[in-house]
């Protein structure tokens, strides 16, 4: 069985490698991520993940599984994607400081003509952050390629006061949900 991850995310790759997924190929989707404001956050991430998986999935191949995923951070009903620059990252981190927000990851799995899409939701609470902490964190470069301008598995783990839901979802790939979806398509990771 060939498994394709339609993402260039090093974190998603690390998670699948942690599970020792055999025959893993990384083929990042190149399509533009279009935010659809009319969609709810869970529908948005499912749509984005479907687009990524569909772009890469070989048509009708039963011996190939393609996984697409997309993650967003939502605060006060507003979607926070990846920061446009350091000032944008600082703005995002200031807005998350001392507050709870929700991380949504959509996952789509395609095998042959079967397509499954799900969304996972995790609530994360940050402790209050000082300006010097925000500036130091931005200097690490870590927030620049991440939704909401932080990576809970890195330096920002020092900011996460509480988490309700799947930790791996916050990293960008909810492994429990993915495992269930793959099992439904006849693929067991264990």
C-alpha atoms as a PDB file:
ATOM      1  CA  UNK A   1       0.000   0.000   0.000  1.00  0.00           C
ATOM      2  CA  UNK A   2       1.344   3.377  -1.058  1.00  0.00           C
ATOM      3  CA  UNK A   3       0.515   6.296   1.276  1.00  0.00           C
ATOM      4  CA  UNK A   4       0.868   9.862   0.009  1.00  0.00           C
ATOM      5  CA  UNK A   5       0.868  12.882   2.310  1.00  0.00           C
ATOM      6  CA  UNK A   6      -0.323  15.851   0.232  1.00  0.00           C
ATOM      7  CA  UNK A   7       1.446  18.310   2.523  1.00  0.00           C
ATOM      8  CA  UNK A   8       4.872  19.861   2.875  1.00  0.00           C
ATOM      9  CA  UNK A   9       4.430  20.247   6.639  1.00  0.00           C
ATOM     10  CA  UNK A  10       7.429  18.812   8.472  1.00  0.00           C
ATOM     11  CA  UNK A  11       5.236  18.265  11.534  1.00  0.00           C
ATOM     12  CA  UNK A  12       2.719  16.109   9.647  1.00  0.00           C
ATOM     13  CA  UNK A  13       5.578  14.127   8.144  1.00  0.00           C
ATOM     14  CA  UNK A  14       7.157  13.631  11.589  1.00  0.00           C
ATOM     15  CA  UNK A  15       3.866  12.387  13.010  1.00  0.00           C
ATOM     16  CA  UNK A  16       3.429   9.783  10.260  1.00  0.00           C
ATOM     17  CA  UNK A  17       7.076   8.757  10.587  1.00  0.00           C
ATOM     18  CA  UNK A  18       6.550   8.428  14.360  1.00  0.00           C
ATOM     19  CA  UNK A  19       3.892   5.820  13.508  1.00  0.00           C
ATOM     20  CA  UNK A  20       6.397   4.142  11.161  1.00  0.00           C
ATOM     21  CA  UNK A  21       4.031   4.436   8.191  1.00  0.00           C
ATOM     22  CA  UNK A  22       5.489   2.262   5.437  1.00  0.00           C
ATOM     23  CA  UNK A  23       5.735   3.400   1.814  1.00  0.00           C
ATOM     24  CA  UNK A  24       5.145   7.034   2.788  1.00  0.00           C
ATOM     25  CA  UNK A  25       5.584   9.580   0.007  1.00  0.00           C
ATOM     26  CA  UNK A  26       5.473  13.335   0.478  1.00  0.00           C
ATOM     27  CA  UNK A  27       3.918  15.193  -2.460  1.00  0.00           C
ATOM     28  CA  UNK A  28       2.859  18.673  -1.319  1.00  0.00           C
ATOM     29  CA  UNK A  29      -0.271  20.101  -2.894  1.00  0.00           C
ATOM     30  CA  UNK A  30       0.486  23.352  -4.687  1.00  0.00           C
ATOM     31  CA  UNK A  31      -3.037  24.754  -5.021  1.00  0.00           C
ATOM     32  CA  UNK A  32      -3.897  28.081  -3.457  1.00  0.00           C
ATOM     33  CA  UNK A  33      -5.582  27.900  -0.049  1.00  0.00           C
ATOM     34  CA  UNK A  34      -8.776  29.897  -0.465  1.00  0.00           C
ATOM     35  CA  UNK A  35     -10.568  30.911   2.700  1.00  0.00           C
ATOM     36  CA  UNK A  36     -14.317  30.770   2.252  1.00  0.00           C
ATOM     37  CA  UNK A  37     -15.851  33.152   4.837  1.00  0.00           C
ATOM     38  CA  UNK A  38     -19.303  31.656   4.297  1.00  0.00           C
ATOM     39  CA  UNK A  39     -18.151  28.284   5.693  1.00  0.00           C
ATOM     40  CA  UNK A  40     -17.980  27.388   9.374  1.00  0.00           C
ATOM     41  CA  UNK A  41     -14.428  26.637  10.614  1.00  0.00           C
ATOM     42  CA  UNK A  42     -14.940  22.870  10.552  1.00  0.00           C
ATOM     43  CA  UNK A  43     -16.428  22.969   7.032  1.00  0.00           C
ATOM     44  CA  UNK A  44     -13.604  25.273   5.890  1.00  0.00           C
ATOM     45  CA  UNK A  45     -10.805  22.941   7.007  1.00  0.00           C
ATOM     46  CA  UNK A  46     -12.592  19.931   5.510  1.00  0.00           C
ATOM     47  CA  UNK A  47     -12.885  21.773   2.190  1.00  0.00           C
ATOM     48  CA  UNK A  48      -9.226  22.856   2.245  1.00  0.00           C
ATOM     49  CA  UNK A  49      -8.085  19.319   3.083  1.00  0.00           C
ATOM     50  CA  UNK A  50     -10.309  17.858   0.322  1.00  0.00           C
ATOM     51  CA  UNK A  51      -8.775  20.220  -2.242  1.00  0.00           C
ATOM     52  CA  UNK A  52      -5.238  19.236  -1.221  1.00  0.00           C
ATOM     53  CA  UNK A  53      -5.923  15.500  -1.256  1.00  0.00           C
ATOM     54  CA  UNK A  54      -7.861  15.631  -4.548  1.00  0.00           C
ATOM     55  CA  UNK A  55      -5.070  17.583  -6.248  1.00  0.00           C
ATOM     56  CA  UNK A  56      -2.532  14.831  -5.508  1.00  0.00           C
ATOM     57  CA  UNK A  57      -4.583  11.603  -5.395  1.00  0.00           C
ATOM     58  CA  UNK A  58      -4.060   9.330  -8.400  1.00  0.00           C
ATOM     59  CA  UNK A  59      -7.472   8.662  -9.952  1.00  0.00           C
ATOM     60  CA  UNK A  60      -9.023   5.340  -9.036  1.00  0.00           C
ATOM     61  CA  UNK A  61      -5.902   3.669  -7.592  1.00  0.00           C
ATOM     62  CA  UNK A  62      -7.075   1.262  -4.892  1.00  0.00           C
ATOM     63  CA  UNK A  63      -3.508   0.531  -3.749  1.00  0.00           C
ATOM     64  CA  UNK A  64      -2.837   4.210  -2.986  1.00  0.00           C
ATOM     65  CA  UNK A  65      -4.097   6.260  -0.043  1.00  0.00           C
ATOM     66  CA  UNK A  66      -3.757  10.041  -0.185  1.00  0.00           C
ATOM     67  CA  UNK A  67      -3.979  12.171   2.963  1.00  0.00           C
ATOM     68  CA  UNK A  68      -4.711  15.899   2.840  1.00  0.00           C
ATOM     69  CA  UNK A  69      -4.858  18.129   5.914  1.00  0.00           C
ATOM     70  CA  UNK A  70      -5.284  21.778   6.766  1.00  0.00           C
ATOM     71  CA  UNK A  71      -5.183  23.582  10.110  1.00  0.00           C
ATOM     72  CA  UNK A  72      -6.565  26.940  11.208  1.00  0.00           C
ATOM     73  CA  UNK A  73      -6.735  28.804  14.499  1.00  0.00           C
ATOM     74  CA  UNK A  74      -9.977  30.575  15.384  1.00  0.00           C
ATOM     75  CA  UNK A  75     -10.261  33.348  17.953  1.00  0.00           C
ATOM     76  CA  UNK A  76     -13.504  35.249  18.528  1.00  0.00           C
ATOM     77  CA  UNK A  77     -14.965  33.725  15.366  1.00  0.00           C
ATOM     78  CA  UNK A  78     -12.094  34.962  13.182  1.00  0.00           C
ATOM     79  CA  UNK A  79      -9.748  32.640  11.303  1.00  0.00           C
ATOM     80  CA  UNK A  80      -6.039  33.090  11.919  1.00  0.00           C
ATOM     81  CA  UNK A  81      -3.904  31.568   9.212  1.00  0.00           C
ATOM     82  CA  UNK A  82      -0.128  31.758   8.912  1.00  0.00           C
ATOM     83  CA  UNK A  83       1.349  35.185   9.710  1.00  0.00           C
ATOM     84  CA  UNK A  84       2.253  37.454   6.792  1.00  0.00           C
ATOM     85  CA  UNK A  85       5.374  38.650   8.619  1.00  0.00           C
ATOM     86  CA  UNK A  86       6.839  39.360  12.041  1.00  0.00           C
ATOM     87  CA  UNK A  87       4.443  42.227  12.820  1.00  0.00           C
ATOM     88  CA  UNK A  88       1.476  40.011  11.951  1.00  0.00           C
ATOM     89  CA  UNK A  89       2.877  37.199  14.125  1.00  0.00           C
ATOM     90  CA  UNK A  90       3.247  39.634  17.045  1.00  0.00           C
ATOM     91  CA  UNK A  91      -0.338  40.833  16.545  1.00  0.00           C
ATOM     92  CA  UNK A  92      -1.612  37.242  16.558  1.00  0.00           C
ATOM     93  CA  UNK A  93       0.358  36.277  19.662  1.00  0.00           C
ATOM     94  CA  UNK A  94      -0.823  39.386  21.540  1.00  0.00           C
ATOM     95  CA  UNK A  95      -4.425  38.483  20.711  1.00  0.00           C
ATOM     96  CA  UNK A  96      -3.932  34.879  21.947  1.00  0.00           C
ATOM     97  CA  UNK A  97      -2.195  35.966  25.169  1.00  0.00           C
ATOM     98  CA  UNK A  98      -4.148  34.972  28.275  1.00  0.00           C
ATOM     99  CA  UNK A  99      -7.061  33.623  26.245  1.00  0.00           C
ATOM    100  CA  UNK A 100      -8.552  30.448  24.846  1.00  0.00           C
ATOM    101  CA  UNK A 101      -8.853  29.765  21.139  1.00  0.00           C
ATOM    102  CA  UNK A 102      -9.821  26.818  18.969  1.00  0.00           C
ATOM    103  CA  UNK A 103      -7.619  24.865  16.581  1.00  0.00           C
ATOM    104  CA  UNK A 104      -9.395  23.097  13.723  1.00  0.00           C
ATOM    105  CA  UNK A 105      -7.751  20.552  11.452  1.00  0.00           C
ATOM    106  CA  UNK A 106      -9.523  19.056   8.495  1.00  0.00           C
ATOM    107  CA  UNK A 107      -8.358  15.677   7.231  1.00  0.00           C
ATOM    108  CA  UNK A 108      -9.314  14.030   3.947  1.00  0.00           C
ATOM    109  CA  UNK A 109      -8.335  10.503   3.003  1.00  0.00           C
ATOM    110  CA  UNK A 110      -8.828   9.224  -0.541  1.00  0.00           C
ATOM    111  CA  UNK A 111      -8.489   5.588  -1.601  1.00  0.00           C
ATOM    112  CA  UNK A 112      -9.671   4.767  -5.105  1.00  0.00           C
ATOM    113  CA  UNK A 113     -13.085   6.368  -5.460  1.00  0.00           C
ATOM    114  CA  UNK A 114     -13.706   6.568  -1.692  1.00  0.00           C
ATOM    115  CA  UNK A 115     -13.293   9.981  -0.033  1.00  0.00           C
ATOM    116  CA  UNK A 116     -13.589  10.602   3.705  1.00  0.00           C
ATOM    117  CA  UNK A 117     -13.341  14.086   5.245  1.00  0.00           C
ATOM    118  CA  UNK A 118     -13.488  14.969   8.922  1.00  0.00           C
ATOM    119  CA  UNK A 119     -12.665  17.937  11.131  1.00  0.00           C
ATOM    120  CA  UNK A 120     -11.147  17.828  14.595  1.00  0.00           C
ATOM    121  CA  UNK A 121     -11.445  20.651  17.123  1.00  0.00           C
ATOM    122  CA  UNK A 122      -9.175  21.377  20.101  1.00  0.00           C
ATOM    123  CA  UNK A 123      -9.389  24.247  22.582  1.00  0.00           C
ATOM    124  CA  UNK A 124      -6.076  25.768  23.661  1.00  0.00           C
ATOM    125  CA  UNK A 125      -5.550  28.325  26.421  1.00  0.00           C
ATOM    126  CA  UNK A 126      -2.443  30.517  26.494  1.00  0.00           C
ATOM    127  CA  UNK A 127      -1.098  32.033  29.678  1.00  0.00           C
ATOM    128  CA  UNK A 128      -0.547  35.811  29.563  1.00  0.00           C
ATOM    129  CA  UNK A 129       2.513  36.689  27.460  1.00  0.00           C
ATOM    130  CA  UNK A 130       4.832  39.637  27.928  1.00  0.00           C
ATOM    131  CA  UNK A 131       6.014  41.748  24.998  1.00  0.00           C
ATOM    132  CA  UNK A 132       9.568  40.496  25.556  1.00  0.00           C
ATOM    133  CA  UNK A 133       8.382  36.863  25.365  1.00  0.00           C
ATOM    134  CA  UNK A 134       6.499  37.567  22.139  1.00  0.00           C
ATOM    135  CA  UNK A 135       9.544  39.280  20.621  1.00  0.00           C
ATOM    136  CA  UNK A 136      11.889  36.478  21.735  1.00  0.00           C
ATOM    137  CA  UNK A 137       9.563  33.839  20.336  1.00  0.00           C
ATOM    138  CA  UNK A 138       9.334  35.599  16.981  1.00  0.00           C
ATOM    139  CA  UNK A 139      13.151  35.779  16.859  1.00  0.00           C
ATOM    140  CA  UNK A 140      13.233  31.954  16.963  1.00  0.00           C
ATOM    141  CA  UNK A 141      11.518  31.945  13.539  1.00  0.00           C
ATOM    142  CA  UNK A 142       9.165  29.216  14.743  1.00  0.00           C
ATOM    143  CA  UNK A 143       5.868  31.109  14.355  1.00  0.00           C
ATOM    144  CA  UNK A 144       6.346  32.136  10.738  1.00  0.00           C
ATOM    145  CA  UNK A 145       4.949  29.035   8.987  1.00  0.00           C
ATOM    146  CA  UNK A 146       2.247  28.072  11.456  1.00  0.00           C
ATOM    147  CA  UNK A 147      -1.455  28.854  11.750  1.00  0.00           C
ATOM    148  CA  UNK A 148      -1.975  31.259  14.635  1.00  0.00           C
ATOM    149  CA  UNK A 149       1.777  32.015  14.675  1.00  0.00           C
ATOM    150  CA  UNK A 150       2.750  29.256  17.092  1.00  0.00           C
ATOM    151  CA  UNK A 151       3.805  25.625  17.329  1.00  0.00           C
ATOM    152  CA  UNK A 152       2.617  23.916  20.526  1.00  0.00           C
ATOM    153  CA  UNK A 153       5.292  21.244  20.084  1.00  0.00           C
ATOM    154  CA  UNK A 154       8.122  23.793  20.141  1.00  0.00           C
ATOM    155  CA  UNK A 155       8.970  26.903  22.150  1.00  0.00           C
ATOM    156  CA  UNK A 156       5.286  27.861  22.355  1.00  0.00           C
ATOM    157  CA  UNK A 157       4.753  24.833  24.601  1.00  0.00           C
ATOM    158  CA  UNK A 158       5.889  27.287  27.276  1.00  0.00           C
ATOM    159  CA  UNK A 159       2.752  29.362  26.558  1.00  0.00           C
ATOM    160  CA  UNK A 160       0.100  26.598  26.525  1.00  0.00           C
ATOM    161  CA  UNK A 161      -1.605  26.618  29.895  1.00  0.00           C
ATOM    162  CA  UNK A 162      -4.335  24.105  29.043  1.00  0.00           C
ATOM    163  CA  UNK A 163      -5.544  22.012  26.153  1.00  0.00           C
ATOM    164  CA  UNK A 164      -8.890  20.273  25.664  1.00  0.00           C
ATOM    165  CA  UNK A 165      -8.883  17.791  22.790  1.00  0.00           C
ATOM    166  CA  UNK A 166      -6.350  16.005  20.608  1.00  0.00           C
ATOM    167  CA  UNK A 167      -2.820  17.423  21.098  1.00  0.00           C
ATOM    168  CA  UNK A 168      -1.755  16.115  17.681  1.00  0.00           C
ATOM    169  CA  UNK A 169      -4.586  18.123  16.158  1.00  0.00           C
ATOM    170  CA  UNK A 170      -2.814  21.274  17.364  1.00  0.00           C
ATOM    171  CA  UNK A 171       0.332  20.004  15.595  1.00  0.00           C
ATOM    172  CA  UNK A 172      -1.683  19.718  12.377  1.00  0.00           C
ATOM    173  CA  UNK A 173      -2.721  16.060  12.108  1.00  0.00           C
ATOM    174  CA  UNK A 174      -5.230  14.499  14.529  1.00  0.00           C
ATOM    175  CA  UNK A 175      -3.811  10.984  14.675  1.00  0.00           C
ATOM    176  CA  UNK A 176      -6.748   9.294  16.396  1.00  0.00           C
ATOM    177  CA  UNK A 177      -9.191  10.626  13.795  1.00  0.00           C
ATOM    178  CA  UNK A 178      -6.795   9.754  10.957  1.00  0.00           C
ATOM    179  CA  UNK A 179      -6.369   6.206  12.284  1.00  0.00           C
ATOM    180  CA  UNK A 180     -10.149   5.702  12.395  1.00  0.00           C
ATOM    181  CA  UNK A 181     -10.543   7.060   8.848  1.00  0.00           C
ATOM    182  CA  UNK A 182      -7.787   4.827   7.486  1.00  0.00           C
ATOM    183  CA  UNK A 183      -9.286   1.796   9.239  1.00  0.00           C
ATOM    184  CA  UNK A 184     -12.645   2.571   7.579  1.00  0.00           C
ATOM    185  CA  UNK A 185     -10.802   2.369   4.240  1.00  0.00           C
ATOM    186  CA  UNK A 186      -9.143  -0.939   5.138  1.00  0.00           C
ATOM    187  CA  UNK A 187      -5.753   0.423   6.225  1.00  0.00           C
ATOM    188  CA  UNK A 188      -4.478  -0.365   9.718  1.00  0.00           C
ATOM    189  CA  UNK A 189      -1.488   1.582  11.021  1.00  0.00           C
ATOM    190  CA  UNK A 190      -0.772  -0.960  13.765  1.00  0.00           C
END
